[in-house]
Amino acid sequence: MDRLLLMHSFVTVAQAGSFNGAAKKLGSSGSLVSRHVAELERQVGVRLVNRTARSVSLTEPGQRYAEFATRILDEIEAQDAALADSHDRAEGTLSIICPKWIGSLDLGDAIAAFSAAHPKIQVRFELGGMSDRTYDFLDSGFDIAFHTRDLRDSSVRLKKIASLPFVLCAAEAYIERQGGLTHPNDVANHDCLVHVNDPVWRIGHGHASTLHKIRNIAFSSNSYLALQKAAVHGRGIALIPQRPAYDDLVSGALRVLLPELAVPDRPLYAIYGPGQDTPRKISVFLDFLSAWFSQNPIPTIR
């Protein structure tokens, strides 16, 4: 039988001075409370109470054990209250993990702004080292993970934070040397700069979009920033996030290809643990990031 339940019954008996008095406080029966105390005596191996027809008194070991049990139960109650209070306050440690390429873009700026706005929350932000299994971040001690793909996993919850625009582009020098694109299928005839986790490119929107498995890979990397630099140097065409490439696109170092078709945005999802009662620090973080991306839109390329 649960030791804490037995201790609670025993402490209540010690305070009430009788089994029936304790039973009234506990909303139970005197016989059940008596059995609880008897079981506790069996577990600890000593007699804790002296039983008479009308009252119950503590033995000397019983007095010591009553003090000990009262202290333990009070500490548990205080700790429960403290945990419930911290759950409802935006403070404590918030551990976040995401792929390197996402963390080095907008998300890093947004999380830095959140940390400055909420100094009572200690942010732990790690890039890379993510498992393909969506729920592994919880087992690794993280509160939130970020992904850009749709997920169907009942073991986690997710919230869409923003859309990340991508752009198909190349340097003017490459276009002059190899020619531009007049149709999405032309991709097969060009040197391509490919992210190792993104070997299939979708060009166009909706029903007009087409998928292209890239086979002519001239340069590959697990960093979109590295692909952007290779594109600026005229190595080939690249499908990269628009925000870090914005200055190169505005200056002319890179030029948008097939602008009439464009490429789909990527959704940015925050994934967090199951359950209906979300800790306050997580809900505050998710609301902050949604607002940050709304207030810091990516400028349109003209």
C-alpha atoms as a PDB file:
ATOM      1  CA  MET A   1       0.000   0.000   0.000  1.00  0.00           C
ATOM      2  CA  ASP A   2       1.209   3.519  -0.796  1.00  0.00           C
ATOM      3  CA  ARG A   3       3.455   4.773   2.015  1.00  0.00           C
ATOM      4  CA  LEU A   4       2.428   8.419   1.633  1.00  0.00           C
ATOM      5  CA  LEU A   5      -1.254   7.486   1.974  1.00  0.00           C
ATOM      6  CA  LEU A   6      -0.484   5.559   5.166  1.00  0.00           C
ATOM      7  CA  MET A   7       1.607   8.435   6.531  1.00  0.00           C
ATOM      8  CA  HIS A   8      -1.194  10.892   5.797  1.00  0.00           C
ATOM      9  CA  SER A   9      -3.711   8.746   7.676  1.00  0.00           C
ATOM     10  CA  PHE A  10      -1.331   8.309  10.606  1.00  0.00           C
ATOM     11  CA  VAL A  11      -0.563  12.044  10.913  1.00  0.00           C
ATOM     12  CA  THR A  12      -4.285  12.826  10.815  1.00  0.00           C
ATOM     13  CA  VAL A  13      -4.886  10.270  13.604  1.00  0.00           C
ATOM     14  CA  ALA A  14      -2.073  11.855  15.656  1.00  0.00           C
ATOM     15  CA  GLN A  15      -3.681  15.283  15.230  1.00  0.00           C
ATOM     16  CA  ALA A  16      -7.279  14.148  15.881  1.00  0.00           C
ATOM     17  CA  GLY A  17      -6.477  11.743  18.735  1.00  0.00           C
ATOM     18  CA  SER A  18      -8.839   9.047  17.419  1.00  0.00           C
ATOM     19  CA  PHE A  19      -9.551   6.958  14.353  1.00  0.00           C
ATOM     20  CA  ASN A  20     -13.093   8.275  14.023  1.00  0.00           C
ATOM     21  CA  GLY A  21     -11.954  11.888  14.327  1.00  0.00           C
ATOM     22  CA  ALA A  22      -9.322  11.298  11.677  1.00  0.00           C
ATOM     23  CA  ALA A  23     -11.878   9.547   9.468  1.00  0.00           C
ATOM     24  CA  LYS A  24     -14.154  12.625   9.545  1.00  0.00           C
ATOM     25  CA  LYS A  25     -11.277  14.866   8.423  1.00  0.00           C
ATOM     26  CA  LEU A  26     -10.299  12.435   5.674  1.00  0.00           C
ATOM     27  CA  GLY A  27     -13.823  11.684   4.515  1.00  0.00           C
ATOM     28  CA  SER A  28     -13.224   8.005   5.177  1.00  0.00           C
ATOM     29  CA  SER A  29     -14.223   5.354   7.726  1.00  0.00           C
ATOM     30  CA  GLY A  30     -12.659   4.699  11.119  1.00  0.00           C
ATOM     31  CA  SER A  31     -12.003   1.066  10.246  1.00  0.00           C
ATOM     32  CA  LEU A  32     -10.135   1.994   7.074  1.00  0.00           C
ATOM     33  CA  VAL A  33      -8.008   4.564   8.894  1.00  0.00           C
ATOM     34  CA  SER A  34      -7.255   1.965  11.566  1.00  0.00           C
ATOM     35  CA  ARG A  35      -6.117  -0.469   8.860  1.00  0.00           C
ATOM     36  CA  HIS A  36      -3.870   2.211   7.363  1.00  0.00           C
ATOM     37  CA  VAL A  37      -2.142   2.780  10.699  1.00  0.00           C
ATOM     38  CA  ALA A  38      -1.787  -0.966  11.278  1.00  0.00           C
ATOM     39  CA  GLU A  39      -0.209  -1.387   7.836  1.00  0.00           C
ATOM     40  CA  LEU A  40       2.195   1.492   8.497  1.00  0.00           C
ATOM     41  CA  GLU A  41       3.203  -0.146  11.793  1.00  0.00           C
ATOM     42  CA  ARG A  42       3.857  -3.364   9.895  1.00  0.00           C
ATOM     43  CA  GLN A  43       6.014  -1.587   7.338  1.00  0.00           C
ATOM     44  CA  VAL A  44       8.137   0.358   9.846  1.00  0.00           C
ATOM     45  CA  GLY A  45       8.292  -2.597  12.259  1.00  0.00           C
ATOM     46  CA  VAL A  46       7.256  -0.822  15.509  1.00  0.00           C
ATOM     47  CA  ARG A  47       4.015   0.037  17.298  1.00  0.00           C
ATOM     48  CA  LEU A  48       3.141   3.678  16.669  1.00  0.00           C
ATOM     49  CA  VAL A  49      -0.118   4.076  18.646  1.00  0.00           C
ATOM     50  CA  ASN A  50      -1.702   2.840  21.851  1.00  0.00           C
ATOM     51  CA  ARG A  51      -5.296   1.857  21.135  1.00  0.00           C
ATOM     52  CA  THR A  52      -8.072   2.115  23.746  1.00  0.00           C
ATOM     53  CA  ALA A  53     -11.831   1.893  23.419  1.00  0.00           C
ATOM     54  CA  ARG A  54     -12.263   5.663  23.292  1.00  0.00           C
ATOM     55  CA  SER A  55      -9.003   7.187  22.151  1.00  0.00           C
ATOM     56  CA  VAL A  56      -5.643   6.685  20.531  1.00  0.00           C
ATOM     57  CA  SER A  57      -2.339   7.907  21.915  1.00  0.00           C
ATOM     58  CA  LEU A  58       1.108   7.841  20.341  1.00  0.00           C
ATOM     59  CA  THR A  59       3.919   5.665  21.567  1.00  0.00           C
ATOM     60  CA  GLU A  60       7.343   7.256  21.932  1.00  0.00           C
ATOM     61  CA  PRO A  61       8.426   5.953  18.488  1.00  0.00           C
ATOM     62  CA  GLY A  62       5.030   7.081  17.223  1.00  0.00           C
ATOM     63  CA  GLN A  63       5.656  10.657  18.380  1.00  0.00           C
ATOM     64  CA  ARG A  64       8.998  10.740  16.567  1.00  0.00           C
ATOM     65  CA  TYR A  65       7.513   9.225  13.441  1.00  0.00           C
ATOM     66  CA  ALA A  66       4.567  11.660  13.525  1.00  0.00           C
ATOM     67  CA  GLU A  67       7.016  14.599  13.529  1.00  0.00           C
ATOM     68  CA  PHE A  68       8.976  13.041  10.672  1.00  0.00           C
ATOM     69  CA  ALA A  69       5.868  12.232   8.621  1.00  0.00           C
ATOM     70  CA  THR A  70       4.410  15.709   9.177  1.00  0.00           C
ATOM     71  CA  ARG A  71       7.625  17.297   7.934  1.00  0.00           C
ATOM     72  CA  ILE A  72       7.723  15.064   4.839  1.00  0.00           C
ATOM     73  CA  LEU A  73       4.093  15.703   3.952  1.00  0.00           C
ATOM     74  CA  ASP A  74       4.497  19.465   4.462  1.00  0.00           C
ATOM     75  CA  GLU A  75       7.564  19.496   2.202  1.00  0.00           C
ATOM     76  CA  ILE A  76       5.718  17.567  -0.499  1.00  0.00           C
ATOM     77  CA  GLU A  77       2.780  19.973  -0.324  1.00  0.00           C
ATOM     78  CA  ALA A  78       5.111  22.986  -0.500  1.00  0.00           C
ATOM     79  CA  GLN A  79       6.988  21.521  -3.459  1.00  0.00           C
ATOM     80  CA  ASP A  80       3.755  20.731  -5.276  1.00  0.00           C
ATOM     81  CA  ALA A  81       2.621  24.322  -4.770  1.00  0.00           C
ATOM     82  CA  ALA A  82       5.974  25.676  -5.977  1.00  0.00           C
ATOM     83  CA  LEU A  83       5.861  23.541  -9.119  1.00  0.00           C
ATOM     84  CA  ALA A  84       2.301  24.599  -9.877  1.00  0.00           C
ATOM     85  CA  ASP A  85       3.292  28.229  -9.373  1.00  0.00           C
ATOM     86  CA  SER A  86       6.348  27.975 -11.659  1.00  0.00           C
ATOM     87  CA  HIS A  87       4.210  26.249 -14.303  1.00  0.00           C
ATOM     88  CA  ASP A  88       1.976  29.319 -14.402  1.00  0.00           C
ATOM     89  CA  ARG A  89       4.811  31.864 -14.541  1.00  0.00           C
ATOM     90  CA  ALA A  90       7.033  32.782 -17.484  1.00  0.00           C
ATOM     91  CA  GLU A  91      10.356  31.916 -15.894  1.00  0.00           C
ATOM     92  CA  GLY A  92      12.882  29.111 -15.608  1.00  0.00           C
ATOM     93  CA  THR A  93      14.916  27.362 -18.299  1.00  0.00           C
ATOM     94  CA  LEU A  94      13.577  27.017 -21.847  1.00  0.00           C
ATOM     95  CA  SER A  95      15.507  24.520 -23.990  1.00  0.00           C
ATOM     96  CA  ILE A  96      15.179  24.822 -27.775  1.00  0.00           C
ATOM     97  CA  ILE A  97      16.683  22.840 -30.648  1.00  0.00           C
ATOM     98  CA  CYS A  98      16.449  23.240 -34.410  1.00  0.00           C
ATOM     99  CA  PRO A  99      18.306  22.392 -37.628  1.00  0.00           C
ATOM    100  CA  LYS A 100      21.410  24.514 -38.215  1.00  0.00           C
ATOM    101  CA  TRP A 101      20.097  26.229 -41.303  1.00  0.00           C
ATOM    102  CA  ILE A 102      16.937  27.455 -39.552  1.00  0.00           C
ATOM    103  CA  GLY A 103      18.727  28.646 -36.430  1.00  0.00           C
ATOM    104  CA  SER A 104      21.233  30.661 -38.412  1.00  0.00           C
ATOM    105  CA  LEU A 105      18.457  32.592 -40.180  1.00  0.00           C
ATOM    106  CA  ASP A 106      15.473  34.544 -38.842  1.00  0.00           C
ATOM    107  CA  LEU A 107      14.883  32.233 -35.924  1.00  0.00           C
ATOM    108  CA  GLY A 108      18.167  33.180 -34.250  1.00  0.00           C
ATOM    109  CA  ASP A 109      17.181  36.870 -34.315  1.00  0.00           C
ATOM    110  CA  ALA A 110      13.689  36.111 -33.002  1.00  0.00           C
ATOM    111  CA  ILE A 111      14.935  33.991 -30.104  1.00  0.00           C
ATOM    112  CA  ALA A 112      17.566  36.594 -29.171  1.00  0.00           C
ATOM    113  CA  ALA A 113      14.803  39.239 -29.070  1.00  0.00           C
ATOM    114  CA  PHE A 114      12.673  36.939 -26.896  1.00  0.00           C
ATOM    115  CA  SER A 115      15.513  36.404 -24.431  1.00  0.00           C
ATOM    116  CA  ALA A 116      16.032  40.152 -24.101  1.00  0.00           C
ATOM    117  CA  ALA A 117      12.302  40.716 -23.536  1.00  0.00           C
ATOM    118  CA  HIS A 118      11.997  37.930 -20.923  1.00  0.00           C
ATOM    119  CA  PRO A 119      15.110  37.999 -18.708  1.00  0.00           C
ATOM    120  CA  LYS A 120      13.555  35.631 -16.139  1.00  0.00           C
ATOM    121  CA  ILE A 121      13.637  32.846 -18.730  1.00  0.00           C
ATOM    122  CA  GLN A 122      17.059  31.283 -19.266  1.00  0.00           C
ATOM    123  CA  VAL A 123      17.214  30.228 -22.919  1.00  0.00           C
ATOM    124  CA  ARG A 124      19.222  27.211 -24.067  1.00  0.00           C
ATOM    125  CA  PHE A 125      19.341  27.262 -27.869  1.00  0.00           C
ATOM    126  CA  GLU A 126      21.140  24.474 -29.752  1.00  0.00           C
ATOM    127  CA  LEU A 127      21.574  24.025 -33.491  1.00  0.00           C
ATOM    128  CA  GLY A 128      21.836  20.646 -35.167  1.00  0.00           C
ATOM    129  CA  GLY A 129      22.014  17.159 -33.707  1.00  0.00           C
ATOM    130  CA  MET A 130      18.313  16.486 -34.319  1.00  0.00           C
ATOM    131  CA  SER A 131      16.925  13.005 -34.801  1.00  0.00           C
ATOM    132  CA  ASP A 132      14.554  12.170 -37.643  1.00  0.00           C
ATOM    133  CA  ARG A 133      12.069  10.999 -35.009  1.00  0.00           C
ATOM    134  CA  THR A 134      10.010  14.038 -34.139  1.00  0.00           C
ATOM    135  CA  TYR A 135       9.579  13.267 -30.443  1.00  0.00           C
ATOM    136  CA  ASP A 136      13.244  12.557 -29.618  1.00  0.00           C
ATOM    137  CA  PHE A 137      13.840  16.182 -28.632  1.00  0.00           C
ATOM    138  CA  LEU A 138      11.716  15.575 -25.516  1.00  0.00           C
ATOM    139  CA  ASP A 139      13.830  12.563 -24.518  1.00  0.00           C
ATOM    140  CA  SER A 140      16.931  14.745 -24.951  1.00  0.00           C
ATOM    141  CA  GLY A 141      15.630  17.333 -22.482  1.00  0.00           C
ATOM    142  CA  PHE A 142      14.402  20.004 -24.910  1.00  0.00           C
ATOM    143  CA  ASP A 143      11.090  21.815 -24.515  1.00  0.00           C
ATOM    144  CA  ILE A 144      10.681  22.915 -28.139  1.00  0.00           C
ATOM    145  CA  ALA A 145      12.014  21.813 -31.531  1.00  0.00           C
ATOM    146  CA  PHE A 146      11.602  23.512 -34.909  1.00  0.00           C
ATOM    147  CA  HIS A 147      10.869  21.835 -38.245  1.00  0.00           C
ATOM    148  CA  THR A 148       9.802  22.947 -41.717  1.00  0.00           C
ATOM    149  CA  ARG A 149       7.838  19.862 -42.729  1.00  0.00           C
ATOM    150  CA  ASP A 150       4.278  18.837 -41.974  1.00  0.00           C
ATOM    151  CA  LEU A 151       4.048  16.353 -39.121  1.00  0.00           C
ATOM    152  CA  ARG A 152       1.428  13.818 -38.118  1.00  0.00           C
ATOM    153  CA  ASP A 153       2.554  12.594 -34.719  1.00  0.00           C
ATOM    154  CA  SER A 154       0.129  12.363 -31.804  1.00  0.00           C
ATOM    155  CA  SER A 155       3.026  12.263 -29.327  1.00  0.00           C
ATOM    156  CA  VAL A 156       3.762  15.966 -29.913  1.00  0.00           C
ATOM    157  CA  ARG A 157       1.912  19.189 -30.626  1.00  0.00           C
ATOM    158  CA  LEU A 158       2.888  21.792 -33.176  1.00  0.00           C
ATOM    159  CA  LYS A 159       2.170  25.401 -33.994  1.00  0.00           C
ATOM    160  CA  LYS A 160       2.928  27.168 -37.250  1.00  0.00           C
ATOM    161  CA  ILE A 161       5.057  30.186 -36.431  1.00  0.00           C
ATOM    162  CA  ALA A 162       5.738  31.653 -39.865  1.00  0.00           C
ATOM    163  CA  SER A 163       6.310  30.997 -43.549  1.00  0.00           C
ATOM    164  CA  LEU A 164       9.879  31.094 -44.867  1.00  0.00           C
ATOM    165  CA  PRO A 165      10.126  32.337 -48.482  1.00  0.00           C
ATOM    166  CA  PHE A 166      12.626  30.584 -50.748  1.00  0.00           C
ATOM    167  CA  VAL A 167      14.015  31.780 -54.057  1.00  0.00           C
ATOM    168  CA  LEU A 168      15.506  30.094 -57.132  1.00  0.00           C
ATOM    169  CA  CYS A 169      18.464  32.205 -58.194  1.00  0.00           C
ATOM    170  CA  ALA A 170      21.893  32.433 -59.791  1.00  0.00           C
ATOM    171  CA  ALA A 171      24.615  35.013 -60.354  1.00  0.00           C
ATOM    172  CA  GLU A 172      24.491  37.149 -63.492  1.00  0.00           C
ATOM    173  CA  ALA A 173      27.901  35.787 -64.481  1.00  0.00           C
ATOM    174  CA  TYR A 174      26.552  32.229 -64.460  1.00  0.00           C
ATOM    175  CA  ILE A 175      23.443  33.204 -66.430  1.00  0.00           C
ATOM    176  CA  GLU A 176      25.567  34.942 -69.074  1.00  0.00           C
ATOM    177  CA  ARG A 177      27.798  31.876 -69.337  1.00  0.00           C
ATOM    178  CA  GLN A 178      25.195  29.094 -69.230  1.00  0.00           C
ATOM    179  CA  GLY A 179      21.931  30.858 -70.025  1.00  0.00           C
ATOM    180  CA  GLY A 180      18.850  31.353 -67.860  1.00  0.00           C
ATOM    181  CA  LEU A 181      15.750  29.226 -67.364  1.00  0.00           C
ATOM    182  CA  THR A 182      12.711  29.461 -69.631  1.00  0.00           C
ATOM    183  CA  HIS A 183      10.950  26.403 -68.147  1.00  0.00           C
ATOM    184  CA  PRO A 184      11.273  24.483 -64.884  1.00  0.00           C
ATOM    185  CA  ASN A 185      12.505  21.429 -66.779  1.00  0.00           C
ATOM    186  CA  ASP A 186      15.570  23.443 -67.789  1.00  0.00           C
ATOM    187  CA  VAL A 187      16.916  22.790 -64.278  1.00  0.00           C
ATOM    188  CA  ALA A 188      18.136  19.396 -65.512  1.00  0.00           C
ATOM    189  CA  ASN A 189      20.558  21.141 -67.906  1.00  0.00           C
ATOM    190  CA  HIS A 190      22.207  23.374 -65.302  1.00  0.00           C
ATOM    191  CA  ASP A 191      24.797  23.108 -62.569  1.00  0.00           C
ATOM    192  CA  CYS A 192      22.834  22.989 -59.326  1.00  0.00           C
ATOM    193  CA  LEU A 193      23.827  23.959 -55.798  1.00  0.00           C
ATOM    194  CA  VAL A 194      21.933  21.592 -53.509  1.00  0.00           C
ATOM    195  CA  HIS A 195      21.337  21.290 -49.787  1.00  0.00           C
ATOM    196  CA  VAL A 196      22.036  17.688 -48.746  1.00  0.00           C
ATOM    197  CA  ASN A 197      18.606  17.467 -47.089  1.00  0.00           C
ATOM    198  CA  ASP A 198      16.768  19.114 -49.993  1.00  0.00           C
ATOM    199  CA  PRO A 199      17.547  17.100 -53.162  1.00  0.00           C
ATOM    200  CA  VAL A 200      14.086  17.559 -54.705  1.00  0.00           C
ATOM    201  CA  TRP A 201      13.041  21.057 -55.777  1.00  0.00           C
ATOM    202  CA  ARG A 202       9.429  22.181 -56.141  1.00  0.00           C
ATOM    203  CA  ILE A 203       8.981  25.014 -58.620  1.00  0.00           C
ATOM    204  CA  GLY A 204       5.699  26.900 -58.968  1.00  0.00           C
ATOM    205  CA  HIS A 205       2.610  27.036 -56.767  1.00  0.00           C
ATOM    206  CA  GLY A 206      -0.468  24.872 -56.381  1.00  0.00           C
ATOM    207  CA  HIS A 207      -1.523  22.638 -59.273  1.00  0.00           C
ATOM    208  CA  ALA A 208       1.023  24.335 -61.522  1.00  0.00           C
ATOM    209  CA  SER A 209       3.961  23.263 -59.349  1.00  0.00           C
ATOM    210  CA  THR A 210       6.386  20.579 -60.486  1.00  0.00           C
ATOM    211  CA  LEU A 211       8.908  18.445 -58.620  1.00  0.00           C
ATOM    212  CA  HIS A 212      12.458  18.066 -59.869  1.00  0.00           C
ATOM    213  CA  LYS A 213      14.931  15.556 -58.435  1.00  0.00           C
ATOM    214  CA  ILE A 214      18.275  17.237 -58.860  1.00  0.00           C
ATOM    215  CA  ARG A 215      20.886  15.012 -60.461  1.00  0.00           C
ATOM    216  CA  ASN A 216      23.394  17.504 -61.882  1.00  0.00           C
ATOM    217  CA  ILE A 217      24.821  18.545 -58.513  1.00  0.00           C
ATOM    218  CA  ALA A 218      27.803  20.838 -58.916  1.00  0.00           C
ATOM    219  CA  PHE A 219      28.060  21.814 -55.249  1.00  0.00           C
ATOM    220  CA  SER A 220      26.330  20.431 -52.146  1.00  0.00           C
ATOM    221  CA  SER A 221      26.347  21.485 -48.509  1.00  0.00           C
ATOM    222  CA  ASN A 222      24.343  21.183 -45.298  1.00  0.00           C
ATOM    223  CA  SER A 223      24.436  25.006 -45.087  1.00  0.00           C
ATOM    224  CA  TYR A 224      22.202  27.262 -47.166  1.00  0.00           C
ATOM    225  CA  LEU A 225      24.610  30.114 -46.487  1.00  0.00           C
ATOM    226  CA  ALA A 226      27.403  28.117 -48.127  1.00  0.00           C
ATOM    227  CA  LEU A 227      25.150  27.484 -51.129  1.00  0.00           C
ATOM    228  CA  GLN A 228      24.390  31.197 -51.316  1.00  0.00           C
ATOM    229  CA  LYS A 229      28.109  32.049 -51.411  1.00  0.00           C
ATOM    230  CA  ALA A 230      28.694  29.452 -54.141  1.00  0.00           C
ATOM    231  CA  ALA A 231      25.843  30.971 -56.149  1.00  0.00           C
ATOM    232  CA  VAL A 232      27.280  34.487 -55.791  1.00  0.00           C
ATOM    233  CA  HIS A 233      30.573  33.123 -57.137  1.00  0.00           C
ATOM    234  CA  GLY A 234      28.776  31.891 -60.249  1.00  0.00           C
ATOM    235  CA  ARG A 235      29.011  28.163 -59.559  1.00  0.00           C
ATOM    236  CA  GLY A 236      25.393  27.383 -60.513  1.00  0.00           C
ATOM    237  CA  ILE A 237      21.724  27.855 -59.638  1.00  0.00           C
ATOM    238  CA  ALA A 238      20.478  27.518 -56.073  1.00  0.00           C
ATOM    239  CA  LEU A 239      17.205  27.173 -54.199  1.00  0.00           C
ATOM    240  CA  ILE A 240      17.822  29.059 -50.960  1.00  0.00           C
ATOM    241  CA  PRO A 241      15.985  31.001 -48.218  1.00  0.00           C
ATOM    242  CA  GLN A 242      15.154  34.525 -49.354  1.00  0.00           C
ATOM    243  CA  ARG A 243      15.927  36.516 -46.196  1.00  0.00           C
ATOM    244  CA  PRO A 244      19.694  35.886 -46.004  1.00  0.00           C
ATOM    245  CA  ALA A 245      19.904  36.248 -49.789  1.00  0.00           C
ATOM    246  CA  TYR A 246      17.957  39.536 -49.814  1.00  0.00           C
ATOM    247  CA  ASP A 247      20.947  41.899 -49.935  1.00  0.00           C
ATOM    248  CA  ASP A 248      22.568  39.897 -52.753  1.00  0.00           C
ATOM    249  CA  LEU A 249      19.283  39.918 -54.678  1.00  0.00           C
ATOM    250  CA  VAL A 250      18.818  43.673 -54.224  1.00  0.00           C
ATOM    251  CA  SER A 251      22.427  44.461 -55.186  1.00  0.00           C
ATOM    252  CA  GLY A 252      22.266  42.257 -58.275  1.00  0.00           C
ATOM    253  CA  ALA A 253      24.844  39.773 -57.065  1.00  0.00           C
ATOM    254  CA  LEU A 254      22.058  37.195 -57.477  1.00  0.00           C
ATOM    255  CA  ARG A 255      19.112  37.201 -59.856  1.00  0.00           C
ATOM    256  CA  VAL A 256      15.747  35.484 -59.424  1.00  0.00           C
ATOM    257  CA  LEU A 257      15.052  32.745 -61.977  1.00  0.00           C
ATOM    258  CA  LEU A 258      11.552  32.024 -63.301  1.00  0.00           C
ATOM    259  CA  PRO A 259      10.043  34.877 -61.238  1.00  0.00           C
ATOM    260  CA  GLU A 260       6.646  34.305 -62.833  1.00  0.00           C
ATOM    261  CA  LEU A 261       6.516  30.843 -61.225  1.00  0.00           C
ATOM    262  CA  ALA A 262       8.451  31.377 -57.989  1.00  0.00           C
ATOM    263  CA  VAL A 263       8.865  28.574 -55.454  1.00  0.00           C
ATOM    264  CA  PRO A 264       6.677  27.645 -52.461  1.00  0.00           C
ATOM    265  CA  ASP A 265       7.333  29.009 -48.995  1.00  0.00           C
ATOM    266  CA  ARG A 266       8.418  26.580 -46.285  1.00  0.00           C
ATOM    267  CA  PRO A 267       6.314  26.455 -43.081  1.00  0.00           C
ATOM    268  CA  LEU A 268       8.169  27.007 -39.827  1.00  0.00           C
ATOM    269  CA  TYR A 269       6.677  24.810 -37.100  1.00  0.00           C
ATOM    270  CA  ALA A 270       7.371  24.844 -33.369  1.00  0.00           C
ATOM    271  CA  ILE A 271       6.918  21.382 -31.864  1.00  0.00           C
ATOM    272  CA  TYR A 272       6.398  20.807 -28.151  1.00  0.00           C
ATOM    273  CA  GLY A 273       5.209  18.174 -25.699  1.00  0.00           C
ATOM    274  CA  PRO A 274       1.735  16.610 -25.488  1.00  0.00           C
ATOM    275  CA  GLY A 275      -0.965  17.513 -22.986  1.00  0.00           C
ATOM    276  CA  GLN A 276      -3.561  20.235 -22.703  1.00  0.00           C
ATOM    277  CA  ASP A 277      -1.830  22.259 -19.976  1.00  0.00           C
ATOM    278  CA  THR A 278       1.075  24.047 -21.700  1.00  0.00           C
ATOM    279  CA  PRO A 279       3.647  25.621 -19.331  1.00  0.00           C
ATOM    280  CA  ARG A 280       3.425  29.396 -19.313  1.00  0.00           C
ATOM    281  CA  LYS A 281       7.024  29.873 -20.499  1.00  0.00           C
ATOM    282  CA  ILE A 282       6.279  27.839 -23.637  1.00  0.00           C
ATOM    283  CA  SER A 283       3.008  29.600 -24.489  1.00  0.00           C
ATOM    284  CA  VAL A 284       4.652  33.013 -23.966  1.00  0.00           C
ATOM    285  CA  PHE A 285       7.551  31.976 -26.221  1.00  0.00           C
ATOM    286  CA  LEU A 286       5.287  30.731 -29.019  1.00  0.00           C
ATOM    287  CA  ASP A 287       3.140  33.874 -28.918  1.00  0.00           C
ATOM    288  CA  PHE A 288       6.264  36.072 -28.973  1.00  0.00           C
ATOM    289  CA  LEU A 289       7.754  34.319 -31.991  1.00  0.00           C
ATOM    290  CA  SER A 290       4.499  34.468 -33.963  1.00  0.00           C
ATOM    291  CA  ALA A 291       4.294  38.205 -33.292  1.00  0.00           C
ATOM    292  CA  TRP A 292       7.994  38.728 -34.125  1.00  0.00           C
ATOM    293  CA  PHE A 293       7.695  37.149 -37.563  1.00  0.00           C
ATOM    294  CA  SER A 294       4.508  39.141 -38.246  1.00  0.00           C
ATOM    295  CA  GLN A 295       6.253  42.374 -37.293  1.00  0.00           C
ATOM    296  CA  ASN A 296       9.424  41.586 -39.246  1.00  0.00           C
ATOM    297  CA  PRO A 297       8.245  40.510 -42.700  1.00  0.00           C
ATOM    298  CA  ILE A 298      10.748  39.822 -45.444  1.00  0.00           C
ATOM    299  CA  PRO A 299      10.767  42.726 -47.951  1.00  0.00           C
ATOM    300  CA  THR A 300       9.463  41.969 -51.424  1.00  0.00           C
ATOM    301  CA  ILE A 301      12.089  41.562 -54.131  1.00  0.00           C
ATOM    302  CA  ARG A 302      11.349  44.055 -56.924  1.00  0.00           C
END
